[in-house]
C-alpha atoms as a PDB file:
ATOM      1  CA  UNK A   1     -35.858 138.121 -39.860  1.00  0.00           C
ATOM      2  CA  UNK A   2     -34.422 141.279 -38.630  1.00  0.00           C
ATOM      3  CA  UNK A   3     -30.837 142.313 -39.372  1.00  0.00           C
ATOM      4  CA  UNK A   4     -28.776 142.255 -36.194  1.00  0.00           C
ATOM      5  CA  UNK A   5     -27.620 145.560 -35.102  1.00  0.00           C
ATOM      6  CA  UNK A   6     -23.863 146.255 -35.286  1.00  0.00           C
ATOM      7  CA  UNK A   7     -22.500 146.226 -31.647  1.00  0.00           C
ATOM      8  CA  UNK A   8     -21.600 149.639 -30.298  1.00  0.00           C
ATOM      9  CA  UNK A   9     -17.944 150.309 -29.513  1.00  0.00           C
ATOM     10  CA  UNK A  10     -18.938 151.926 -26.320  1.00  0.00           C
ATOM     11  CA  UNK A  11     -21.657 149.278 -25.201  1.00  0.00           C
ATOM     12  CA  UNK A  12     -21.490 149.011 -21.311  1.00  0.00           C
ATOM     13  CA  UNK A  13     -21.307 146.131 -19.061  1.00  0.00           C
ATOM     14  CA  UNK A  14     -24.067 145.126 -16.770  1.00  0.00           C
ATOM     15  CA  UNK A  15     -23.058 146.020 -13.123  1.00  0.00           C
ATOM     16  CA  UNK A  16     -21.356 143.421 -11.014  1.00  0.00           C
ATOM     17  CA  UNK A  17     -18.247 142.440  -9.273  1.00  0.00           C
ATOM     18  CA  UNK A  18     -15.400 140.416 -10.593  1.00  0.00           C
ATOM     19  CA  UNK A  19     -15.961 136.712 -10.816  1.00  0.00           C
ATOM     20  CA  UNK A  20     -14.004 133.810  -9.183  1.00  0.00           C
ATOM     21  CA  UNK A  21     -10.633 134.597 -10.570  1.00  0.00           C
ATOM     22  CA  UNK A  22     -10.024 137.863  -8.699  1.00  0.00           C
ATOM     23  CA  UNK A  23     -11.561 136.349  -5.566  1.00  0.00           C
ATOM     24  CA  UNK A  24      -9.154 133.158  -5.665  1.00  0.00           C
ATOM     25  CA  UNK A  25      -6.303 135.458  -6.116  1.00  0.00           C
ATOM     26  CA  UNK A  26      -7.529 137.540  -2.963  1.00  0.00           C
ATOM     27  CA  UNK A  27      -7.770 134.453  -1.085  1.00  0.00           C
ATOM     28  CA  UNK A  28      -4.201 133.427  -1.948  1.00  0.00           C
ATOM     29  CA  UNK A  29      -3.036 136.825  -1.088  1.00  0.00           C
ATOM     30  CA  UNK A  30      -4.530 136.662   2.384  1.00  0.00           C
ATOM     31  CA  UNK A  31      -3.517 133.147   2.949  1.00  0.00           C
ATOM     32  CA  UNK A  32       0.130 133.988   2.220  1.00  0.00           C
ATOM     33  CA  UNK A  33       0.004 136.840   4.489  1.00  0.00           C
ATOM     34  CA  UNK A  34      -1.132 134.500   7.407  1.00  0.00           C
ATOM     35  CA  UNK A  35       1.845 132.306   6.473  1.00  0.00           C
ATOM     36  CA  UNK A  36       4.159 135.348   6.804  1.00  0.00           C
ATOM     37  CA  UNK A  37       2.721 135.960  10.315  1.00  0.00           C
ATOM     38  CA  UNK A  38       3.547 132.553  11.075  1.00  0.00           C
ATOM     39  CA  UNK A  39       7.110 132.403  10.013  1.00  0.00           C
ATOM     40  CA  UNK A  40       7.769 136.168  10.554  1.00  0.00           C
ATOM     41  CA  UNK A  41       7.576 139.090   8.296  1.00  0.00           C
ATOM     42  CA  UNK A  42      11.209 139.818   8.019  1.00  0.00           C
ATOM     43  CA  UNK A  43      11.991 136.116   7.344  1.00  0.00           C
ATOM     44  CA  UNK A  44       9.288 136.018   4.629  1.00  0.00           C
ATOM     45  CA  UNK A  45      10.762 139.185   3.087  1.00  0.00           C
ATOM     46  CA  UNK A  46      14.190 137.646   3.003  1.00  0.00           C
ATOM     47  CA  UNK A  47      13.035 134.467   1.332  1.00  0.00           C
ATOM     48  CA  UNK A  48      10.650 135.799  -1.180  1.00  0.00           C
ATOM     49  CA  UNK A  49      11.117 139.555  -1.623  1.00  0.00           C
ATOM     50  CA  UNK A  50      12.123 140.645  -5.034  1.00  0.00           C
ATOM     51  CA  UNK A  51      15.576 141.960  -5.182  1.00  0.00           C
ATOM     52  CA  UNK A  52      18.516 142.266  -7.676  1.00  0.00           C
ATOM     53  CA  UNK A  53      20.749 140.390  -5.371  1.00  0.00           C
ATOM     54  CA  UNK A  54      18.453 137.543  -5.141  1.00  0.00           C
ATOM     55  CA  UNK A  55      17.802 137.129  -8.906  1.00  0.00           C
ATOM     56  CA  UNK A  56      21.715 137.247  -9.579  1.00  0.00           C
ATOM     57  CA  UNK A  57      22.183 134.616  -7.007  1.00  0.00           C
ATOM     58  CA  UNK A  58      19.731 132.495  -9.007  1.00  0.00           C
ATOM     59  CA  UNK A  59      16.647 132.728  -6.820  1.00  0.00           C
ATOM     60  CA  UNK A  60      14.548 133.877  -9.787  1.00  0.00           C
ATOM     61  CA  UNK A  61      11.296 132.641  -8.094  1.00  0.00           C
ATOM     62  CA  UNK A  62      11.211 135.781  -5.978  1.00  0.00           C
ATOM     63  CA  UNK A  63       9.902 137.520  -9.020  1.00  0.00           C
ATOM     64  CA  UNK A  64       6.569 135.607  -8.571  1.00  0.00           C
ATOM     65  CA  UNK A  65       6.787 135.078  -4.706  1.00  0.00           C
ATOM     66  CA  UNK A  66       6.955 138.931  -4.034  1.00  0.00           C
ATOM     67  CA  UNK A  67       3.507 139.387  -5.504  1.00  0.00           C
ATOM     68  CA  UNK A  68       1.942 137.489  -2.826  1.00  0.00           C
ATOM     69  CA  UNK A  69       4.085 138.610   0.112  1.00  0.00           C
ATOM     70  CA  UNK A  70       3.180 142.086   1.974  1.00  0.00           C
ATOM     71  CA  UNK A  71       4.535 144.354   4.550  1.00  0.00           C
ATOM     72  CA  UNK A  72       1.683 144.279   7.071  1.00  0.00           C
ATOM     73  CA  UNK A  73      -1.938 144.268   7.523  1.00  0.00           C
ATOM     74  CA  UNK A  74      -2.799 147.676   5.975  1.00  0.00           C
ATOM     75  CA  UNK A  75      -0.750 146.810   2.984  1.00  0.00           C
ATOM     76  CA  UNK A  76      -2.442 143.450   2.288  1.00  0.00           C
ATOM     77  CA  UNK A  77      -6.000 144.923   3.026  1.00  0.00           C
ATOM     78  CA  UNK A  78      -5.631 147.814   0.714  1.00  0.00           C
ATOM     79  CA  UNK A  79      -4.049 145.695  -2.103  1.00  0.00           C
ATOM     80  CA  UNK A  80      -6.792 142.999  -1.802  1.00  0.00           C
ATOM     81  CA  UNK A  81      -9.413 145.690  -2.029  1.00  0.00           C
ATOM     82  CA  UNK A  82      -7.657 147.357  -4.990  1.00  0.00           C
ATOM     83  CA  UNK A  83      -7.494 143.913  -6.813  1.00  0.00           C
ATOM     84  CA  UNK A  84     -11.318 143.382  -6.466  1.00  0.00           C
ATOM     85  CA  UNK A  85     -11.944 146.994  -7.567  1.00  0.00           C
ATOM     86  CA  UNK A  86      -9.369 147.348 -10.650  1.00  0.00           C
ATOM     87  CA  UNK A  87      -9.881 143.777 -11.751  1.00  0.00           C
ATOM     88  CA  UNK A  88     -13.466 144.171 -12.435  1.00  0.00           C
ATOM     89  CA  UNK A  89     -13.169 145.646 -15.827  1.00  0.00           C
ATOM     90  CA  UNK A  90     -10.608 143.154 -16.860  1.00  0.00           C
ATOM     91  CA  UNK A  91     -12.378 140.206 -15.515  1.00  0.00           C
ATOM     92  CA  UNK A  92     -15.690 141.234 -17.291  1.00  0.00           C
ATOM     93  CA  UNK A  93     -14.118 141.997 -20.581  1.00  0.00           C
ATOM     94  CA  UNK A  94     -12.315 138.519 -20.574  1.00  0.00           C
ATOM     95  CA  UNK A  95     -15.606 136.682 -19.698  1.00  0.00           C
ATOM     96  CA  UNK A  96     -17.821 138.942 -21.843  1.00  0.00           C
ATOM     97  CA  UNK A  97     -19.812 139.989 -18.811  1.00  0.00           C
ATOM     98  CA  UNK A  98     -20.731 136.504 -18.010  1.00  0.00           C
ATOM     99  CA  UNK A  99     -19.648 134.197 -15.275  1.00  0.00           C
ATOM    100  CA  UNK A 100     -15.994 133.310 -15.967  1.00  0.00           C
ATOM    101  CA  UNK A 101     -15.065 129.908 -17.295  1.00  0.00           C
ATOM    102  CA  UNK A 102     -12.002 127.871 -16.379  1.00  0.00           C
ATOM    103  CA  UNK A 103     -10.330 129.214 -19.637  1.00  0.00           C
ATOM    104  CA  UNK A 104     -11.314 132.755 -18.787  1.00  0.00           C
ATOM    105  CA  UNK A 105     -10.066 132.507 -15.092  1.00  0.00           C
ATOM    106  CA  UNK A 106      -6.800 131.016 -16.469  1.00  0.00           C
ATOM    107  CA  UNK A 107      -6.286 133.864 -18.630  1.00  0.00           C
ATOM    108  CA  UNK A 108      -7.087 136.570 -16.114  1.00  0.00           C
ATOM    109  CA  UNK A 109      -4.696 134.863 -13.402  1.00  0.00           C
ATOM    110  CA  UNK A 110      -2.013 134.613 -16.125  1.00  0.00           C
ATOM    111  CA  UNK A 111      -2.384 138.184 -17.135  1.00  0.00           C
ATOM    112  CA  UNK A 112      -2.121 139.260 -13.474  1.00  0.00           C
ATOM    113  CA  UNK A 113       0.946 137.044 -12.789  1.00  0.00           C
ATOM    114  CA  UNK A 114       2.812 138.278 -15.848  1.00  0.00           C
ATOM    115  CA  UNK A 115       2.160 141.934 -15.086  1.00  0.00           C
ATOM    116  CA  UNK A 116       3.402 141.084 -11.584  1.00  0.00           C
ATOM    117  CA  UNK A 117       6.531 139.334 -13.033  1.00  0.00           C
ATOM    118  CA  UNK A 118       7.296 142.367 -15.302  1.00  0.00           C
ATOM    119  CA  UNK A 119       6.619 144.626 -12.528  1.00  0.00           C
ATOM    120  CA  UNK A 120       9.215 142.870 -10.300  1.00  0.00           C
ATOM    121  CA  UNK A 121      11.693 142.949 -13.463  1.00  0.00           C
ATOM    122  CA  UNK A 122      11.375 146.647 -13.726  1.00  0.00           C
ATOM    123  CA  UNK A 123      11.911 147.060 -10.105  1.00  0.00           C
ATOM    124  CA  UNK A 124      15.140 145.177  -9.816  1.00  0.00           C
ATOM    125  CA  UNK A 125      16.464 146.810 -13.181  1.00  0.00           C
ATOM    126  CA  UNK A 126      15.686 150.306 -11.663  1.00  0.00           C
ATOM    127  CA  UNK A 127      16.458 149.745  -8.009  1.00  0.00           C
ATOM    128  CA  UNK A 128      19.427 147.855  -7.034  1.00  0.00           C
ATOM    129  CA  UNK A 129      18.796 148.402  -3.306  1.00  0.00           C
ATOM    130  CA  UNK A 130      16.544 146.682  -0.944  1.00  0.00           C
ATOM    131  CA  UNK A 131      13.953 144.190  -1.910  1.00  0.00           C
ATOM    132  CA  UNK A 132      10.177 144.710  -2.688  1.00  0.00           C
ATOM    133  CA  UNK A 133       6.896 142.845  -1.792  1.00  0.00           C
ATOM    134  CA  UNK A 134       3.326 143.289  -2.565  1.00  0.00           C
ATOM    135  CA  UNK A 135       0.652 142.707  -5.074  1.00  0.00           C
ATOM    136  CA  UNK A 136       0.532 146.396  -6.176  1.00  0.00           C
ATOM    137  CA  UNK A 137       2.691 146.006  -9.204  1.00  0.00           C
ATOM    138  CA  UNK A 138       0.290 143.371 -10.854  1.00  0.00           C
ATOM    139  CA  UNK A 139      -2.693 145.595  -9.779  1.00  0.00           C
ATOM    140  CA  UNK A 140      -1.144 148.541 -11.486  1.00  0.00           C
ATOM    141  CA  UNK A 141      -1.096 146.261 -14.582  1.00  0.00           C
ATOM    142  CA  UNK A 142      -4.889 145.750 -14.098  1.00  0.00           C
ATOM    143  CA  UNK A 143      -5.166 149.616 -13.783  1.00  0.00           C
ATOM    144  CA  UNK A 144      -3.121 149.978 -17.033  1.00  0.00           C
ATOM    145  CA  UNK A 145      -5.414 147.499 -18.744  1.00  0.00           C
ATOM    146  CA  UNK A 146      -8.579 149.342 -17.414  1.00  0.00           C
ATOM    147  CA  UNK A 147      -7.075 152.581 -18.702  1.00  0.00           C
ATOM    148  CA  UNK A 148      -7.325 151.104 -22.236  1.00  0.00           C
ATOM    149  CA  UNK A 149     -10.639 149.328 -22.072  1.00  0.00           C
ATOM    150  CA  UNK A 150     -12.438 151.210 -19.468  1.00  0.00           C
ATOM    151  CA  UNK A 151     -15.934 149.464 -19.022  1.00  0.00           C
ATOM    152  CA  UNK A 152     -16.362 148.868 -22.683  1.00  0.00           C
ATOM    153  CA  UNK A 153     -17.616 145.515 -23.699  1.00  0.00           C
ATOM    154  CA  UNK A 154     -15.905 145.772 -27.044  1.00  0.00           C
ATOM    155  CA  UNK A 155     -13.140 148.021 -28.356  1.00  0.00           C
ATOM    156  CA  UNK A 156     -10.335 150.207 -26.861  1.00  0.00           C
ATOM    157  CA  UNK A 157      -9.932 153.762 -25.791  1.00  0.00           C
ATOM    158  CA  UNK A 158      -7.712 155.815 -28.158  1.00  0.00           C
ATOM    159  CA  UNK A 159      -4.418 157.169 -26.658  1.00  0.00           C
ATOM    160  CA  UNK A 160      -6.035 160.667 -27.409  1.00  0.00           C
ATOM    161  CA  UNK A 161      -9.039 160.137 -25.275  1.00  0.00           C
ATOM    162  CA  UNK A 162      -9.596 162.318 -22.188  1.00  0.00           C
ATOM    163  CA  UNK A 163     -10.654 159.139 -20.072  1.00  0.00           C
ATOM    164  CA  UNK A 164      -7.325 157.363 -20.915  1.00  0.00           C
ATOM    165  CA  UNK A 165      -5.129 160.255 -19.665  1.00  0.00           C
ATOM    166  CA  UNK A 166      -7.511 160.701 -16.651  1.00  0.00           C
ATOM    167  CA  UNK A 167      -6.440 157.105 -15.649  1.00  0.00           C
ATOM    168  CA  UNK A 168      -2.776 157.688 -16.313  1.00  0.00           C
ATOM    169  CA  UNK A 169      -3.060 160.747 -14.124  1.00  0.00           C
ATOM    170  CA  UNK A 170      -4.806 158.946 -11.530  1.00  0.00           C
ATOM    171  CA  UNK A 171      -1.937 156.339 -11.431  1.00  0.00           C
ATOM    172  CA  UNK A 172       0.581 159.255 -11.167  1.00  0.00           C
ATOM    173  CA  UNK A 173      -1.262 160.818  -8.450  1.00  0.00           C
ATOM    174  CA  UNK A 174      -1.816 157.560  -6.615  1.00  0.00           C
ATOM    175  CA  UNK A 175       1.828 156.801  -6.721  1.00  0.00           C
ATOM    176  CA  UNK A 176       2.698 160.272  -5.202  1.00  0.00           C
ATOM    177  CA  UNK A 177       0.107 159.716  -2.591  1.00  0.00           C
ATOM    178  CA  UNK A 178       1.546 156.341  -1.665  1.00  0.00           C
ATOM    179  CA  UNK A 179       5.078 157.804  -1.668  1.00  0.00           C
ATOM    180  CA  UNK A 180       4.018 160.171   0.949  1.00  0.00           C
ATOM    181  CA  UNK A 181       2.403 157.601   3.090  1.00  0.00           C
ATOM    182  CA  UNK A 182       4.644 154.679   2.485  1.00  0.00           C
ATOM    183  CA  UNK A 183       5.852 154.146   5.912  1.00  0.00           C
ATOM    184  CA  UNK A 184       2.154 154.057   7.267  1.00  0.00           C
ATOM    185  CA  UNK A 185       0.865 151.650   4.611  1.00  0.00           C
ATOM    186  CA  UNK A 186       3.853 149.200   5.121  1.00  0.00           C
ATOM    187  CA  UNK A 187       4.630 149.261   8.864  1.00  0.00           C
ATOM    188  CA  UNK A 188       7.864 151.538   8.513  1.00  0.00           C
ATOM    189  CA  UNK A 189       8.945 150.754   5.115  1.00  0.00           C
ATOM    190  CA  UNK A 190      11.315 153.483   3.738  1.00  0.00           C
ATOM    191  CA  UNK A 191       9.402 154.009   0.372  1.00  0.00           C
ATOM    192  CA  UNK A 192       7.186 152.575  -2.213  1.00  0.00           C
ATOM    193  CA  UNK A 193       8.347 150.834  -5.044  1.00  0.00           C
ATOM    194  CA  UNK A 194       7.236 153.156  -7.653  1.00  0.00           C
ATOM    195  CA  UNK A 195       9.399 151.463 -10.260  1.00  0.00           C
ATOM    196  CA  UNK A 196       7.360 148.320  -9.995  1.00  0.00           C
ATOM    197  CA  UNK A 197       4.150 150.179 -10.339  1.00  0.00           C
ATOM    198  CA  UNK A 198       5.585 151.841 -13.515  1.00  0.00           C
ATOM    199  CA  UNK A 199       6.377 148.356 -14.877  1.00  0.00           C
ATOM    200  CA  UNK A 200       3.121 146.904 -13.899  1.00  0.00           C
ATOM    201  CA  UNK A 201       1.179 149.724 -15.476  1.00  0.00           C
ATOM    202  CA  UNK A 202       2.916 149.491 -18.711  1.00  0.00           C
ATOM    203  CA  UNK A 203       2.736 145.836 -18.782  1.00  0.00           C
ATOM    204  CA  UNK A 204      -0.969 145.981 -18.377  1.00  0.00           C
ATOM    205  CA  UNK A 205      -1.295 148.625 -21.296  1.00  0.00           C
ATOM    206  CA  UNK A 206       0.776 146.315 -23.637  1.00  0.00           C
ATOM    207  CA  UNK A 207      -0.517 142.794 -22.668  1.00  0.00           C
ATOM    208  CA  UNK A 208      -4.356 143.544 -22.555  1.00  0.00           C
ATOM    209  CA  UNK A 209      -4.854 143.201 -26.343  1.00  0.00           C
ATOM    210  CA  UNK A 210      -2.911 139.883 -26.589  1.00  0.00           C
ATOM    211  CA  UNK A 211      -4.781 138.699 -23.489  1.00  0.00           C
ATOM    212  CA  UNK A 212      -8.156 139.436 -25.050  1.00  0.00           C
ATOM    213  CA  UNK A 213      -7.172 137.977 -28.443  1.00  0.00           C
ATOM    214  CA  UNK A 214      -6.234 134.702 -26.463  1.00  0.00           C
ATOM    215  CA  UNK A 215      -9.659 134.757 -25.042  1.00  0.00           C
ATOM    216  CA  UNK A 216     -11.364 135.345 -28.239  1.00  0.00           C
ATOM    217  CA  UNK A 217     -12.809 138.507 -26.973  1.00  0.00           C
ATOM    218  CA  UNK A 218     -10.673 141.398 -28.489  1.00  0.00           C
END
Protein backbone atom coordinates (compact mmCIF):
# COMPACT_ATOMS: atom_id res chain seq x y z
CA UNK A 1 0.00 0.00 0.00
CA UNK A 2 1.48 3.29 -1.05
CA UNK A 3 1.55 6.17 1.37
CA UNK A 4 -0.88 8.92 0.39
CA UNK A 5 0.85 12.06 -0.70
CA UNK A 6 0.36 15.11 1.48
CA UNK A 7 -1.96 17.55 -0.33
CA UNK A 8 -0.21 20.57 -1.78
CA UNK A 9 -1.27 23.93 -0.39
CA UNK A 10 -1.38 25.24 -3.94
CA UNK A 11 -3.22 22.36 -5.61
CA UNK A 12 -5.42 23.82 -8.35
CA UNK A 13 -9.03 23.18 -9.20
CA UNK A 14 -10.01 21.55 -12.42
CA UNK A 15 -11.49 24.19 -14.77
CA UNK A 16 -15.21 24.76 -14.67
CA UNK A 17 -17.95 27.27 -14.01
CA UNK A 18 -19.81 27.82 -10.72
CA UNK A 19 -22.44 25.24 -9.91
CA UNK A 20 -26.15 25.77 -9.37
CA UNK A 21 -25.98 28.11 -6.32
CA UNK A 22 -24.54 31.03 -8.32
CA UNK A 23 -26.87 30.24 -11.22
CA UNK A 24 -29.87 30.26 -8.86
CA UNK A 25 -28.87 33.62 -7.40
CA UNK A 26 -28.44 35.01 -10.91
CA UNK A 27 -31.92 33.83 -11.90
CA UNK A 28 -33.42 35.43 -8.77
CA UNK A 29 -31.66 38.72 -9.52
CA UNK A 30 -32.91 38.77 -13.12
CA UNK A 31 -36.44 37.81 -11.99
CA UNK A 32 -36.39 40.64 -9.45
CA UNK A 33 -35.40 43.07 -12.19
CA UNK A 34 -38.36 42.03 -14.33
CA UNK A 35 -40.55 42.66 -11.29
CA UNK A 36 -38.96 46.12 -11.00
CA UNK A 37 -39.83 46.84 -14.61
CA UNK A 38 -43.42 45.81 -13.88
CA UNK A 39 -43.90 48.04 -10.82
CA UNK A 40 -41.54 50.81 -11.92
CA UNK A 41 -37.87 51.27 -11.09
CA UNK A 42 -38.38 54.32 -8.87
CA UNK A 43 -41.18 52.59 -6.97
CA UNK A 44 -39.07 49.49 -6.40
CA UNK A 45 -36.17 51.58 -5.11
CA UNK A 46 -38.43 53.41 -2.69
CA UNK A 47 -39.79 50.09 -1.41
CA UNK A 48 -36.60 48.04 -1.15
CA UNK A 49 -33.55 50.28 -1.46
CA UNK A 50 -31.14 50.28 1.50
CA UNK A 51 -31.14 53.62 3.31
CA UNK A 52 -30.59 54.81 6.86
CA UNK A 53 -34.02 56.41 6.89
CA UNK A 54 -35.74 53.14 6.00
CA UNK A 55 -33.91 51.12 8.65
CA UNK A 56 -34.59 53.71 11.36
CA UNK A 57 -38.25 53.57 10.38
CA UNK A 58 -38.26 49.84 11.12
CA UNK A 59 -38.02 48.61 7.52
CA UNK A 60 -34.97 46.46 8.27
CA UNK A 61 -35.70 44.09 5.39
CA UNK A 62 -34.31 46.63 2.92
CA UNK A 63 -30.85 45.42 3.98
CA UNK A 64 -31.67 42.22 2.06
CA UNK A 65 -34.05 43.40 -0.64
CA UNK A 66 -31.53 45.97 -1.87
CA UNK A 67 -29.25 43.09 -2.92
CA UNK A 68 -31.74 41.93 -5.55
CA UNK A 69 -32.82 45.34 -6.89
CA UNK A 70 -30.93 47.18 -9.61
CA UNK A 71 -30.78 50.53 -11.32
CA UNK A 72 -31.19 49.50 -14.93
CA UNK A 73 -30.48 46.81 -17.54
CA UNK A 74 -26.74 47.54 -17.74
CA UNK A 75 -26.45 47.45 -13.95
CA UNK A 76 -28.21 44.09 -13.60
CA UNK A 77 -26.35 42.57 -16.56
CA UNK A 78 -22.91 43.52 -15.24
CA UNK A 79 -23.70 42.36 -11.72
CA UNK A 80 -25.07 39.03 -12.91
CA UNK A 81 -21.95 38.44 -15.01
CA UNK A 82 -19.73 39.46 -12.10
CA UNK A 83 -21.57 37.07 -9.77
CA UNK A 84 -20.91 34.14 -12.09
CA UNK A 85 -17.26 35.16 -12.52
CA UNK A 86 -16.22 36.08 -8.97
CA UNK A 87 -18.31 33.35 -7.40
CA UNK A 88 -16.40 30.61 -9.17
CA UNK A 89 -13.55 30.23 -6.68
CA UNK A 90 -15.86 30.33 -3.66
CA UNK A 91 -18.34 27.90 -5.20
CA UNK A 92 -15.65 25.38 -6.12
CA UNK A 93 -13.87 25.70 -2.79
CA UNK A 94 -17.03 25.07 -0.78
CA UNK A 95 -17.87 22.02 -2.90
CA UNK A 96 -14.25 20.79 -3.21
CA UNK A 97 -14.42 21.10 -6.98
CA UNK A 98 -17.39 18.74 -7.26
CA UNK A 99 -21.03 19.41 -8.05
CA UNK A 100 -22.44 21.34 -5.11
CA UNK A 101 -24.68 19.44 -2.71
CA UNK A 102 -27.71 21.06 -1.09
CA UNK A 103 -25.62 21.80 2.00
CA UNK A 104 -22.86 23.35 -0.14
CA UNK A 105 -25.41 25.48 -1.94
CA UNK A 106 -27.03 26.73 1.26
CA UNK A 107 -23.63 27.71 2.67
CA UNK A 108 -22.70 29.53 -0.54
CA UNK A 109 -26.02 31.38 -0.73
CA UNK A 110 -25.85 32.19 2.99
CA UNK A 111 -22.32 33.56 2.55
CA UNK A 112 -23.49 35.73 -0.35
CA UNK A 113 -26.48 37.08 1.57
CA UNK A 114 -24.54 37.82 4.75
CA UNK A 115 -21.90 39.68 2.74
CA UNK A 116 -24.74 41.62 1.12
CA UNK A 117 -26.31 42.38 4.50
CA UNK A 118 -23.02 43.68 5.93
CA UNK A 119 -22.46 45.65 2.75
CA UNK A 120 -25.84 47.36 3.21
CA UNK A 121 -25.08 48.03 6.88
CA UNK A 122 -21.73 49.57 6.02
CA UNK A 123 -23.41 51.79 3.44
CA UNK A 124 -26.11 53.15 5.74
CA UNK A 125 -23.59 53.75 8.55
CA UNK A 126 -21.23 55.68 6.29
CA UNK A 127 -23.83 57.34 4.05
CA UNK A 128 -26.93 58.92 5.51
CA UNK A 129 -28.21 60.20 2.18
CA UNK A 130 -29.98 58.46 -0.67
CA UNK A 131 -30.58 54.71 -0.71
CA UNK A 132 -28.58 52.10 -2.59
CA UNK A 133 -29.53 49.07 -4.66
CA UNK A 134 -27.58 46.29 -6.32
CA UNK A 135 -25.84 42.98 -5.71
CA UNK A 136 -22.37 44.47 -6.09
CA UNK A 137 -21.75 44.69 -2.34
CA UNK A 138 -22.35 40.94 -1.98
CA UNK A 139 -20.27 40.34 -5.11
CA UNK A 140 -17.42 42.31 -3.57
CA UNK A 141 -17.77 39.85 -0.68
CA UNK A 142 -17.06 37.05 -3.15
CA UNK A 143 -14.13 39.09 -4.47
CA UNK A 144 -12.77 39.50 -0.94
CA UNK A 145 -13.06 35.75 -0.37
CA UNK A 146 -11.39 35.05 -3.71
CA UNK A 147 -8.54 37.37 -2.76
CA UNK A 148 -7.85 35.14 0.22
CA UNK A 149 -8.36 31.70 -1.35
CA UNK A 150 -7.44 32.34 -5.00
CA UNK A 151 -8.02 29.14 -6.94
CA UNK A 152 -6.46 26.96 -4.27
CA UNK A 153 -8.15 23.70 -3.42
CA UNK A 154 -6.86 23.99 0.17
CA UNK A 155 -5.14 26.63 2.24
CA UNK A 156 -5.23 30.42 2.08
CA UNK A 157 -3.07 33.16 0.73
CA UNK A 158 -1.02 35.05 3.29
CA UNK A 159 -1.68 38.75 3.72
CA UNK A 160 1.90 39.31 2.56
CA UNK A 161 1.35 37.47 -0.75
CA UNK A 162 1.64 39.56 -3.88
CA UNK A 163 -1.44 37.91 -5.39
CA UNK A 164 -3.54 38.96 -2.40
CA UNK A 165 -2.58 42.61 -2.77
CA UNK A 166 -3.10 42.41 -6.51
CA UNK A 167 -6.72 41.50 -5.81
CA UNK A 168 -7.04 44.34 -3.30
CA UNK A 169 -5.60 46.78 -5.84
CA UNK A 170 -7.99 45.42 -8.46
CA UNK A 171 -10.94 46.09 -6.14
CA UNK A 172 -9.75 49.67 -5.53
CA UNK A 173 -9.20 50.34 -9.23
CA UNK A 174 -12.57 48.77 -10.01
CA UNK A 175 -14.30 51.13 -7.59
CA UNK A 176 -12.56 54.17 -9.07
CA UNK A 177 -13.62 53.08 -12.55
CA UNK A 178 -17.20 52.55 -11.40
CA UNK A 179 -17.25 55.93 -9.67
CA UNK A 180 -16.18 57.50 -12.95
CA UNK A 181 -18.84 55.65 -14.96
CA UNK A 182 -21.59 55.39 -12.35
CA UNK A 183 -24.22 57.44 -14.17
CA UNK A 184 -23.75 55.28 -17.26
CA UNK A 185 -23.96 51.99 -15.36
CA UNK A 186 -27.03 52.84 -13.31
CA UNK A 187 -29.07 54.97 -15.68
CA UNK A 188 -28.33 58.38 -14.26
CA UNK A 189 -27.36 57.47 -10.69
CA UNK A 190 -25.30 60.19 -9.07
CA UNK A 191 -22.60 57.87 -7.80
CA UNK A 192 -21.60 54.31 -6.89
CA UNK A 193 -22.09 53.06 -3.33
CA UNK A 194 -18.40 52.49 -2.69
CA UNK A 195 -19.16 52.23 1.05
CA UNK A 196 -21.15 49.08 0.36
CA UNK A 197 -18.39 47.68 -1.81
CA UNK A 198 -15.89 48.26 0.98
CA UNK A 199 -18.14 46.58 3.54
CA UNK A 200 -18.79 43.64 1.26
CA UNK A 201 -15.11 43.10 0.46
CA UNK A 202 -14.12 43.17 4.13
CA UNK A 203 -17.00 40.84 5.00
CA UNK A 204 -15.79 38.35 2.40
CA UNK A 205 -12.27 38.45 3.81
CA UNK A 206 -13.50 37.87 7.35
CA UNK A 207 -16.25 35.32 6.71
CA UNK A 208 -14.74 32.94 4.16
CA UNK A 209 -12.82 30.98 6.81
CA UNK A 210 -15.90 30.40 9.03
CA UNK A 211 -17.93 29.50 5.92
CA UNK A 212 -15.38 26.91 4.86
CA UNK A 213 -15.18 25.50 8.38
CA UNK A 214 -18.95 25.18 8.33
CA UNK A 215 -18.72 23.25 5.07
CA UNK A 216 -15.93 21.06 6.48
CA UNK A 217 -13.52 22.19 3.75
CA UNK A 218 -11.33 24.75 5.49
